[in-house]
Amino acid sequence: MDTLYIVMPAYNEEANIENVVRSWYPLLTDKNPRSRLVVADSGSTDATHDILLRLQHTLPSLEILSDTDRYHGPKVWALYDHAIRSGADYIFQTDSDGQTSPDEFASFWAERDRYDIILGNRTVRGDGKARAFIEKVVVFLLRIYFGAKIPDANAPFRLMRSETVKKYLYLVQPDFNIPNIILTTFFCKGGERVRFKEISFAPRQGGENSINVRNIIGIGMQALKDFSYYRKIMRQAIPPRS
C-alpha cells in the first residue's frame, strides 16, 4: 500500500479549516496506515491553530507543522520537505481555503502508476478574472524564460511521486515565494512524466485571501529576478535534451 501525504498550508483559515480537513481526511482510509494529512499553520492570528488542535483528538493521522515561516510559499516547501523526510511515497498538495474538491482526487490517484507528476489544470476559475489573467502572464513568462509550455503552473491540486519532488526541491530556496511554479517548470524541463488534468476551482469558501492582487504583483516583480537565477540553476542541473 502506498503511503500518501496530503499537505496543505494554512493562514487565518478559521472559516474553512475544519470543513476542509474533514473533507480531505477520509481519503487516507484505504492508504498505508503511515499516511498523513499535514497542515502547516504558523503565524495565524485567528482560531485556525486551536481548531486544528481540537481536530487532532478525533483525527489521529492529522499532523500540524507550526514551526514554519508564516508565508504560503515557504510553508509549501516545508511541507514537501517534511513528507520526503517522513517516507511518503506520494505527496498531494492542495490549499486550505476550500476551492478544490476531494471528489476529484480519485481520478488522479488512479493514474499514479502512469505518471511521475499529475497537476491540476484550472480551465475555469472561480476566483476572479484578475487571478486568471495573472496565471496567463506567469505561463507566458515561463515559456519565455525556460522554454516550457505549461497550461497551469500554480494549481494547488498536485499528486507527485516523492522521489521526483526530492530531485528538484532542494534546488529551490526554502524561502522562495512561489515554489510550485518553479517546481512545475523543473518537472517539465527535466523530462519527468507529467500530466495536466482538468480540475474545477471554486470561489473561496469563506474568510479573506491573505494574498491579494497587489501582493501578487509584488511577488511577480521579484519573480522576474528569481527566474533568471533559476534558469541558471536549471541549466546546471538538467542537461539539455537532444
C-alpha atoms as a PDB file:
ATOM      1  CA  MET A   1       0.000   0.000   0.000  1.00  0.00           C
ATOM      2  CA  ASP A   2       1.351   3.406  -0.966  1.00  0.00           C
ATOM      3  CA  THR A   3       1.983   5.992   1.716  1.00  0.00           C
ATOM      4  CA  LEU A   4       0.232   9.253   0.891  1.00  0.00           C
ATOM      5  CA  TYR A   5       0.884  12.610   2.496  1.00  0.00           C
ATOM      6  CA  ILE A   6      -1.850  15.160   1.836  1.00  0.00           C
ATOM      7  CA  VAL A   7      -0.294  18.523   2.634  1.00  0.00           C
ATOM      8  CA  MET A   8      -1.802  21.988   2.821  1.00  0.00           C
ATOM      9  CA  PRO A   9      -0.592  25.397   4.032  1.00  0.00           C
ATOM     10  CA  ALA A  10      -2.928  27.458   6.204  1.00  0.00           C
ATOM     11  CA  TYR A  11      -3.026  31.033   7.426  1.00  0.00           C
ATOM     12  CA  ASN A  12      -6.040  32.575   9.188  1.00  0.00           C
ATOM     13  CA  GLU A  13      -8.424  29.946   7.809  1.00  0.00           C
ATOM     14  CA  GLU A  14     -10.771  29.584  10.792  1.00  0.00           C
ATOM     15  CA  ALA A  15     -13.781  29.920   8.468  1.00  0.00           C
ATOM     16  CA  ASN A  16     -12.663  26.971   6.319  1.00  0.00           C
ATOM     17  CA  ILE A  17     -10.151  24.781   8.072  1.00  0.00           C
ATOM     18  CA  GLU A  18     -12.451  22.322   9.843  1.00  0.00           C
ATOM     19  CA  ASN A  19     -14.604  21.628   6.782  1.00  0.00           C
ATOM     20  CA  VAL A  20     -11.537  21.319   4.553  1.00  0.00           C
ATOM     21  CA  VAL A  21      -9.704  18.922   6.877  1.00  0.00           C
ATOM     22  CA  ARG A  22     -12.793  16.780   7.433  1.00  0.00           C
ATOM     23  CA  SER A  23     -13.491  16.591   3.690  1.00  0.00           C
ATOM     24  CA  TRP A  24      -9.949  15.531   2.740  1.00  0.00           C
ATOM     25  CA  TYR A  25      -9.154  13.285   5.702  1.00  0.00           C
ATOM     26  CA  PRO A  26     -11.282  10.276   4.536  1.00  0.00           C
ATOM     27  CA  LEU A  27      -9.006   9.882   1.516  1.00  0.00           C
ATOM     28  CA  LEU A  28      -6.439   8.333   3.862  1.00  0.00           C
ATOM     29  CA  THR A  29      -8.772   5.452   4.722  1.00  0.00           C
ATOM     30  CA  ASP A  30      -7.600   2.917   2.141  1.00  0.00           C
ATOM     31  CA  LYS A  31      -3.951   4.044   2.080  1.00  0.00           C
ATOM     32  CA  ASN A  32      -0.950   2.816   4.058  1.00  0.00           C
ATOM     33  CA  PRO A  33      -1.549   3.403   7.801  1.00  0.00           C
ATOM     34  CA  ARG A  34       1.517   5.655   7.816  1.00  0.00           C
ATOM     35  CA  SER A  35      -0.285   8.101   5.519  1.00  0.00           C
ATOM     36  CA  ARG A  36      -0.968  11.548   6.952  1.00  0.00           C
ATOM     37  CA  LEU A  37      -2.818  14.794   6.365  1.00  0.00           C
ATOM     38  CA  VAL A  38      -0.410  17.580   7.293  1.00  0.00           C
ATOM     39  CA  VAL A  39      -1.357  21.229   7.747  1.00  0.00           C
ATOM     40  CA  ALA A  40       1.327  23.894   8.042  1.00  0.00           C
ATOM     41  CA  ASP A  41      -0.103  26.603  10.282  1.00  0.00           C
ATOM     42  CA  SER A  42       2.316  29.171  11.608  1.00  0.00           C
ATOM     43  CA  GLY A  43       1.519  32.792  12.258  1.00  0.00           C
ATOM     44  CA  SER A  44      -2.277  32.591  12.214  1.00  0.00           C
ATOM     45  CA  THR A  45      -3.849  35.277  14.387  1.00  0.00           C
ATOM     46  CA  ASP A  46      -7.331  33.751  14.428  1.00  0.00           C
ATOM     47  CA  ALA A  47      -8.608  30.397  15.753  1.00  0.00           C
ATOM     48  CA  THR A  48      -7.094  28.249  12.990  1.00  0.00           C
ATOM     49  CA  HIS A  49      -4.497  26.622  15.222  1.00  0.00           C
ATOM     50  CA  ASP A  50      -6.948  25.939  18.058  1.00  0.00           C
ATOM     51  CA  ILE A  51      -9.328  24.264  15.625  1.00  0.00           C
ATOM     52  CA  LEU A  52      -6.548  22.048  14.291  1.00  0.00           C
ATOM     53  CA  LEU A  53      -5.500  21.027  17.799  1.00  0.00           C
ATOM     54  CA  ARG A  54      -9.097  20.091  18.592  1.00  0.00           C
ATOM     55  CA  LEU A  55      -9.425  18.058  15.397  1.00  0.00           C
ATOM     56  CA  GLN A  56      -6.362  16.018  16.326  1.00  0.00           C
ATOM     57  CA  HIS A  57      -8.331  14.448  19.198  1.00  0.00           C
ATOM     58  CA  THR A  58     -10.556  12.587  16.719  1.00  0.00           C
ATOM     59  CA  LEU A  59      -8.340  12.531  13.613  1.00  0.00           C
ATOM     60  CA  PRO A  60      -5.169  10.692  14.667  1.00  0.00           C
ATOM     61  CA  SER A  61      -3.489  10.935  11.247  1.00  0.00           C
ATOM     62  CA  LEU A  62      -3.692  14.727  11.247  1.00  0.00           C
ATOM     63  CA  GLU A  63      -0.337  16.446  11.774  1.00  0.00           C
ATOM     64  CA  ILE A  64       0.362  20.139  12.330  1.00  0.00           C
ATOM     65  CA  LEU A  65       3.560  21.901  11.307  1.00  0.00           C
ATOM     66  CA  SER A  66       3.746  25.016  13.445  1.00  0.00           C
ATOM     67  CA  ASP A  67       7.397  25.998  13.129  1.00  0.00           C
ATOM     68  CA  THR A  68       7.444  27.165   9.504  1.00  0.00           C
ATOM     69  CA  ASP A  69       7.607  30.636   8.003  1.00  0.00           C
ATOM     70  CA  ARG A  70       4.176  32.327   8.031  1.00  0.00           C
ATOM     71  CA  TYR A  71       4.098  32.820   4.238  1.00  0.00           C
ATOM     72  CA  HIS A  72       2.478  30.460   1.761  1.00  0.00           C
ATOM     73  CA  GLY A  73       5.491  29.562  -0.397  1.00  0.00           C
ATOM     74  CA  PRO A  74       7.865  28.633   2.432  1.00  0.00           C
ATOM     75  CA  LYS A  75       5.077  26.601   4.027  1.00  0.00           C
ATOM     76  CA  VAL A  76       4.640  24.611   0.820  1.00  0.00           C
ATOM     77  CA  TRP A  77       8.410  23.984   0.659  1.00  0.00           C
ATOM     78  CA  ALA A  78       8.462  22.881   4.316  1.00  0.00           C
ATOM     79  CA  LEU A  79       5.521  20.537   3.774  1.00  0.00           C
ATOM     80  CA  TYR A  80       7.245  18.824   0.846  1.00  0.00           C
ATOM     81  CA  ASP A  81      10.442  18.507   2.854  1.00  0.00           C
ATOM     82  CA  HIS A  82       8.509  17.025   5.787  1.00  0.00           C
ATOM     83  CA  ALA A  83       6.749  14.476   3.572  1.00  0.00           C
ATOM     84  CA  ILE A  84      10.018  13.401   1.933  1.00  0.00           C
ATOM     85  CA  ARG A  85      11.774  13.023   5.283  1.00  0.00           C
ATOM     86  CA  SER A  86       8.803  11.087   6.680  1.00  0.00           C
ATOM     87  CA  GLY A  87       8.979   8.449   3.955  1.00  0.00           C
ATOM     88  CA  ALA A  88       5.944   9.360   1.858  1.00  0.00           C
ATOM     89  CA  ASP A  89       5.606   7.534  -1.458  1.00  0.00           C
ATOM     90  CA  TYR A  90       3.281  10.203  -2.823  1.00  0.00           C
ATOM     91  CA  ILE A  91       2.669  13.825  -1.919  1.00  0.00           C
ATOM     92  CA  PHE A  92      -0.596  15.538  -2.714  1.00  0.00           C
ATOM     93  CA  GLN A  93      -0.729  19.300  -2.198  1.00  0.00           C
ATOM     94  CA  THR A  94      -3.827  21.417  -2.023  1.00  0.00           C
ATOM     95  CA  ASP A  95      -4.855  24.585  -0.191  1.00  0.00           C
ATOM     96  CA  SER A  96      -6.964  25.042   2.922  1.00  0.00           C
ATOM     97  CA  ASP A  97      -9.467  27.542   1.525  1.00  0.00           C
ATOM     98  CA  GLY A  98     -11.997  25.060   0.121  1.00  0.00           C
ATOM     99  CA  GLN A  99     -11.511  25.956  -3.546  1.00  0.00           C
ATOM    100  CA  THR A 100     -10.557  22.408  -4.587  1.00  0.00           C
ATOM    101  CA  SER A 101     -12.698  19.280  -4.343  1.00  0.00           C
ATOM    102  CA  PRO A 102     -11.611  15.971  -2.802  1.00  0.00           C
ATOM    103  CA  ASP A 103     -14.106  14.266  -5.131  1.00  0.00           C
ATOM    104  CA  GLU A 104     -11.641  14.826  -7.977  1.00  0.00           C
ATOM    105  CA  PHE A 105      -8.715  13.156  -6.225  1.00  0.00           C
ATOM    106  CA  ALA A 106      -9.636   9.557  -7.130  1.00  0.00           C
ATOM    107  CA  SER A 107      -9.055  10.072 -10.850  1.00  0.00           C
ATOM    108  CA  PHE A 108      -5.569  11.447 -10.116  1.00  0.00           C
ATOM    109  CA  TRP A 109      -4.751   8.548  -7.799  1.00  0.00           C
ATOM    110  CA  ALA A 110      -5.906   6.019 -10.395  1.00  0.00           C
ATOM    111  CA  GLU A 111      -3.243   7.278 -12.833  1.00  0.00           C
ATOM    112  CA  ARG A 112      -0.341   7.450 -10.390  1.00  0.00           C
ATOM    113  CA  ASP A 113       1.487   4.464 -11.890  1.00  0.00           C
ATOM    114  CA  ARG A 114       1.498   6.051 -15.345  1.00  0.00           C
ATOM    115  CA  TYR A 115       2.935   9.428 -14.361  1.00  0.00           C
ATOM    116  CA  ASP A 116       5.501  10.886 -12.003  1.00  0.00           C
ATOM    117  CA  ILE A 117       3.582  14.127 -11.596  1.00  0.00           C
ATOM    118  CA  ILE A 118      -0.131  14.836 -12.133  1.00  0.00           C
ATOM    119  CA  LEU A 119      -1.028  18.522 -11.933  1.00  0.00           C
ATOM    120  CA  GLY A 120      -4.383  20.266 -11.872  1.00  0.00           C
ATOM    121  CA  ASN A 121      -5.319  22.494 -14.785  1.00  0.00           C
ATOM    122  CA  ARG A 122      -7.851  25.201 -13.900  1.00  0.00           C
ATOM    123  CA  THR A 123      -9.521  25.799 -17.261  1.00  0.00           C
ATOM    124  CA  VAL A 124     -12.370  27.596 -15.489  1.00  0.00           C
ATOM    125  CA  ARG A 125     -11.585  29.577 -12.349  1.00  0.00           C
ATOM    126  CA  GLY A 126     -13.956  30.748  -9.664  1.00  0.00           C
ATOM    127  CA  ASP A 127     -11.524  33.184  -8.066  1.00  0.00           C
ATOM    128  CA  GLY A 128     -11.919  36.045 -10.497  1.00  0.00           C
ATOM    129  CA  LYS A 129     -10.635  37.326 -13.824  1.00  0.00           C
ATOM    130  CA  ALA A 130      -7.670  39.124 -12.281  1.00  0.00           C
ATOM    131  CA  ARG A 131      -6.110  35.934 -10.940  1.00  0.00           C
ATOM    132  CA  ALA A 132      -6.819  34.077 -14.176  1.00  0.00           C
ATOM    133  CA  PHE A 133      -5.037  36.843 -16.087  1.00  0.00           C
ATOM    134  CA  ILE A 134      -2.044  36.710 -13.732  1.00  0.00           C
ATOM    135  CA  GLU A 135      -1.754  32.955 -14.313  1.00  0.00           C
ATOM    136  CA  LYS A 136      -1.704  33.556 -18.077  1.00  0.00           C
ATOM    137  CA  VAL A 137       1.114  36.058 -17.607  1.00  0.00           C
ATOM    138  CA  VAL A 138       3.012  33.520 -15.492  1.00  0.00           C
ATOM    139  CA  VAL A 139       2.805  30.737 -18.075  1.00  0.00           C
ATOM    140  CA  PHE A 140       3.840  33.212 -20.795  1.00  0.00           C
ATOM    141  CA  LEU A 141       6.921  34.200 -18.788  1.00  0.00           C
ATOM    142  CA  LEU A 142       7.798  30.547 -18.157  1.00  0.00           C
ATOM    143  CA  ARG A 143       7.766  29.955 -21.884  1.00  0.00           C
ATOM    144  CA  ILE A 144       9.985  32.987 -22.484  1.00  0.00           C
ATOM    145  CA  TYR A 145      12.460  32.289 -19.664  1.00  0.00           C
ATOM    146  CA  PHE A 146      12.574  28.499 -19.715  1.00  0.00           C
ATOM    147  CA  GLY A 147      11.026  27.381 -22.987  1.00  0.00           C
ATOM    148  CA  ALA A 148       8.404  25.452 -21.020  1.00  0.00           C
ATOM    149  CA  LYS A 149       4.880  25.061 -22.411  1.00  0.00           C
ATOM    150  CA  ILE A 150       2.729  24.815 -19.284  1.00  0.00           C
ATOM    151  CA  PRO A 151      -1.062  25.326 -19.155  1.00  0.00           C
ATOM    152  CA  ASP A 152      -1.294  25.973 -15.397  1.00  0.00           C
ATOM    153  CA  ALA A 153       1.858  26.417 -13.327  1.00  0.00           C
ATOM    154  CA  ASN A 154       0.498  27.019  -9.852  1.00  0.00           C
ATOM    155  CA  ALA A 155      -2.659  24.975  -9.347  1.00  0.00           C
ATOM    156  CA  PRO A 156      -2.957  23.792  -5.711  1.00  0.00           C
ATOM    157  CA  PHE A 157      -4.008  20.298  -6.766  1.00  0.00           C
ATOM    158  CA  ARG A 158      -0.962  18.154  -7.464  1.00  0.00           C
ATOM    159  CA  LEU A 159      -0.174  14.489  -6.953  1.00  0.00           C
ATOM    160  CA  MET A 160       3.566  13.833  -7.064  1.00  0.00           C
ATOM    161  CA  ARG A 161       5.929  10.953  -6.542  1.00  0.00           C
ATOM    162  CA  SER A 162       8.004  11.835  -3.524  1.00  0.00           C
ATOM    163  CA  GLU A 163      11.219  10.695  -5.202  1.00  0.00           C
ATOM    164  CA  THR A 164      10.561  13.033  -8.121  1.00  0.00           C
ATOM    165  CA  VAL A 165       9.911  16.001  -5.852  1.00  0.00           C
ATOM    166  CA  LYS A 166      13.123  15.207  -3.985  1.00  0.00           C
ATOM    167  CA  LYS A 167      15.141  15.511  -7.213  1.00  0.00           C
ATOM    168  CA  TYR A 168      14.232  19.187  -7.548  1.00  0.00           C
ATOM    169  CA  LEU A 169      13.003  20.525  -4.204  1.00  0.00           C
ATOM    170  CA  TYR A 170      16.459  21.196  -2.813  1.00  0.00           C
ATOM    171  CA  LEU A 171      17.370  23.247  -5.869  1.00  0.00           C
ATOM    172  CA  VAL A 172      14.740  25.729  -4.651  1.00  0.00           C
ATOM    173  CA  GLN A 173      15.404  28.139  -1.801  1.00  0.00           C
ATOM    174  CA  PRO A 174      13.262  27.292   1.291  1.00  0.00           C
ATOM    175  CA  ASP A 175      12.007  30.882   1.498  1.00  0.00           C
ATOM    176  CA  PHE A 176      11.040  31.148  -2.182  1.00  0.00           C
ATOM    177  CA  ASN A 177       7.570  32.679  -2.568  1.00  0.00           C
ATOM    178  CA  ILE A 178       6.344  30.537  -5.456  1.00  0.00           C
ATOM    179  CA  PRO A 179       7.918  27.066  -5.214  1.00  0.00           C
ATOM    180  CA  ASN A 180       5.111  25.297  -7.064  1.00  0.00           C
ATOM    181  CA  ILE A 181       5.665  27.423 -10.153  1.00  0.00           C
ATOM    182  CA  ILE A 182       9.366  26.712 -10.401  1.00  0.00           C
ATOM    183  CA  LEU A 183       8.928  23.033  -9.472  1.00  0.00           C
ATOM    184  CA  THR A 184       6.352  22.636 -12.234  1.00  0.00           C
ATOM    185  CA  THR A 185       8.904  24.075 -14.636  1.00  0.00           C
ATOM    186  CA  PHE A 186      11.631  21.742 -13.372  1.00  0.00           C
ATOM    187  CA  PHE A 187       9.330  18.731 -13.750  1.00  0.00           C
ATOM    188  CA  CYS A 188       8.514  19.614 -17.345  1.00  0.00           C
ATOM    189  CA  LYS A 189      12.039  20.555 -18.392  1.00  0.00           C
ATOM    190  CA  GLY A 190      13.554  17.598 -16.545  1.00  0.00           C
ATOM    191  CA  GLY A 191      11.746  15.093 -18.734  1.00  0.00           C
ATOM    192  CA  GLU A 192       9.540  13.681 -15.985  1.00  0.00           C
ATOM    193  CA  ARG A 193       6.279  12.005 -16.897  1.00  0.00           C
ATOM    194  CA  VAL A 194       3.956  14.955 -16.328  1.00  0.00           C
ATOM    195  CA  ARG A 195       0.198  15.004 -16.857  1.00  0.00           C
ATOM    196  CA  PHE A 196      -2.007  18.109 -16.672  1.00  0.00           C
ATOM    197  CA  LYS A 197      -5.529  17.144 -15.750  1.00  0.00           C
ATOM    198  CA  GLU A 198      -8.531  19.451 -15.720  1.00  0.00           C
ATOM    199  CA  ILE A 199      -9.992  20.291 -12.318  1.00  0.00           C
ATOM    200  CA  SER A 200     -12.737  22.538 -11.020  1.00  0.00           C
ATOM    201  CA  PHE A 201     -11.784  25.576  -8.974  1.00  0.00           C
ATOM    202  CA  ALA A 202     -14.472  27.118  -6.818  1.00  0.00           C
ATOM    203  CA  PRO A 203     -14.589  30.573  -5.242  1.00  0.00           C
ATOM    204  CA  ARG A 204     -13.053  30.838  -1.784  1.00  0.00           C
ATOM    205  CA  GLN A 205     -15.493  29.217   0.647  1.00  0.00           C
ATOM    206  CA  GLY A 206     -15.030  31.698   3.497  1.00  0.00           C
ATOM    207  CA  GLY A 207     -12.685  34.261   5.012  1.00  0.00           C
ATOM    208  CA  GLU A 208     -10.322  36.512   3.085  1.00  0.00           C
ATOM    209  CA  ASN A 209      -7.377  35.585   0.915  1.00  0.00           C
ATOM    210  CA  SER A 210      -4.129  36.593   2.603  1.00  0.00           C
ATOM    211  CA  ILE A 211      -2.531  37.204  -0.805  1.00  0.00           C
ATOM    212  CA  ASN A 212      -4.357  39.931  -2.727  1.00  0.00           C
ATOM    213  CA  VAL A 213      -3.713  41.114  -6.263  1.00  0.00           C
ATOM    214  CA  ARG A 214      -1.334  43.839  -5.059  1.00  0.00           C
ATOM    215  CA  ASN A 215       0.702  41.230  -3.194  1.00  0.00           C
ATOM    216  CA  ILE A 216       0.754  39.037  -6.281  1.00  0.00           C
ATOM    217  CA  ILE A 217       2.092  41.884  -8.420  1.00  0.00           C
ATOM    218  CA  GLY A 218       4.891  42.455  -5.904  1.00  0.00           C
ATOM    219  CA  ILE A 219       5.703  38.760  -5.862  1.00  0.00           C
ATOM    220  CA  GLY A 220       5.651  38.786  -9.651  1.00  0.00           C
ATOM    221  CA  MET A 221       8.185  41.599  -9.898  1.00  0.00           C
ATOM    222  CA  GLN A 222      10.539  39.681  -7.625  1.00  0.00           C
ATOM    223  CA  ALA A 223       9.855  36.531  -9.643  1.00  0.00           C
ATOM    224  CA  LEU A 224      11.338  38.132 -12.762  1.00  0.00           C
ATOM    225  CA  LYS A 225      14.664  38.356 -10.946  1.00  0.00           C
ATOM    226  CA  ASP A 226      14.254  34.901  -9.452  1.00  0.00           C
ATOM    227  CA  PHE A 227      13.516  33.333 -12.845  1.00  0.00           C
ATOM    228  CA  SER A 228      16.900  34.472 -14.110  1.00  0.00           C
ATOM    229  CA  TYR A 229      18.552  32.793 -11.127  1.00  0.00           C
ATOM    230  CA  TYR A 230      16.608  29.549 -11.541  1.00  0.00           C
ATOM    231  CA  ARG A 231      17.269  29.472 -15.258  1.00  0.00           C
ATOM    232  CA  LYS A 232      20.967  29.213 -14.383  1.00  0.00           C
ATOM    233  CA  ILE A 233      20.241  26.529 -11.793  1.00  0.00           C
ATOM    234  CA  MET A 234      18.193  24.597 -14.323  1.00  0.00           C
ATOM    235  CA  ARG A 235      20.936  24.710 -16.943  1.00  0.00           C
ATOM    236  CA  GLN A 236      23.396  23.295 -14.412  1.00  0.00           C
ATOM    237  CA  ALA A 237      21.061  20.622 -13.012  1.00  0.00           C
ATOM    238  CA  ILE A 238      19.211  19.489 -16.142  1.00  0.00           C
ATOM    239  CA  PRO A 239      21.311  18.658 -19.219  1.00  0.00           C
ATOM    240  CA  PRO A 240      19.767  19.853 -22.489  1.00  0.00           C
ATOM    241  CA  ARG A 241      17.882  17.133 -24.327  1.00  0.00           C
ATOM    242  CA  SER A 242      18.808  16.419 -27.906  1.00  0.00           C
END
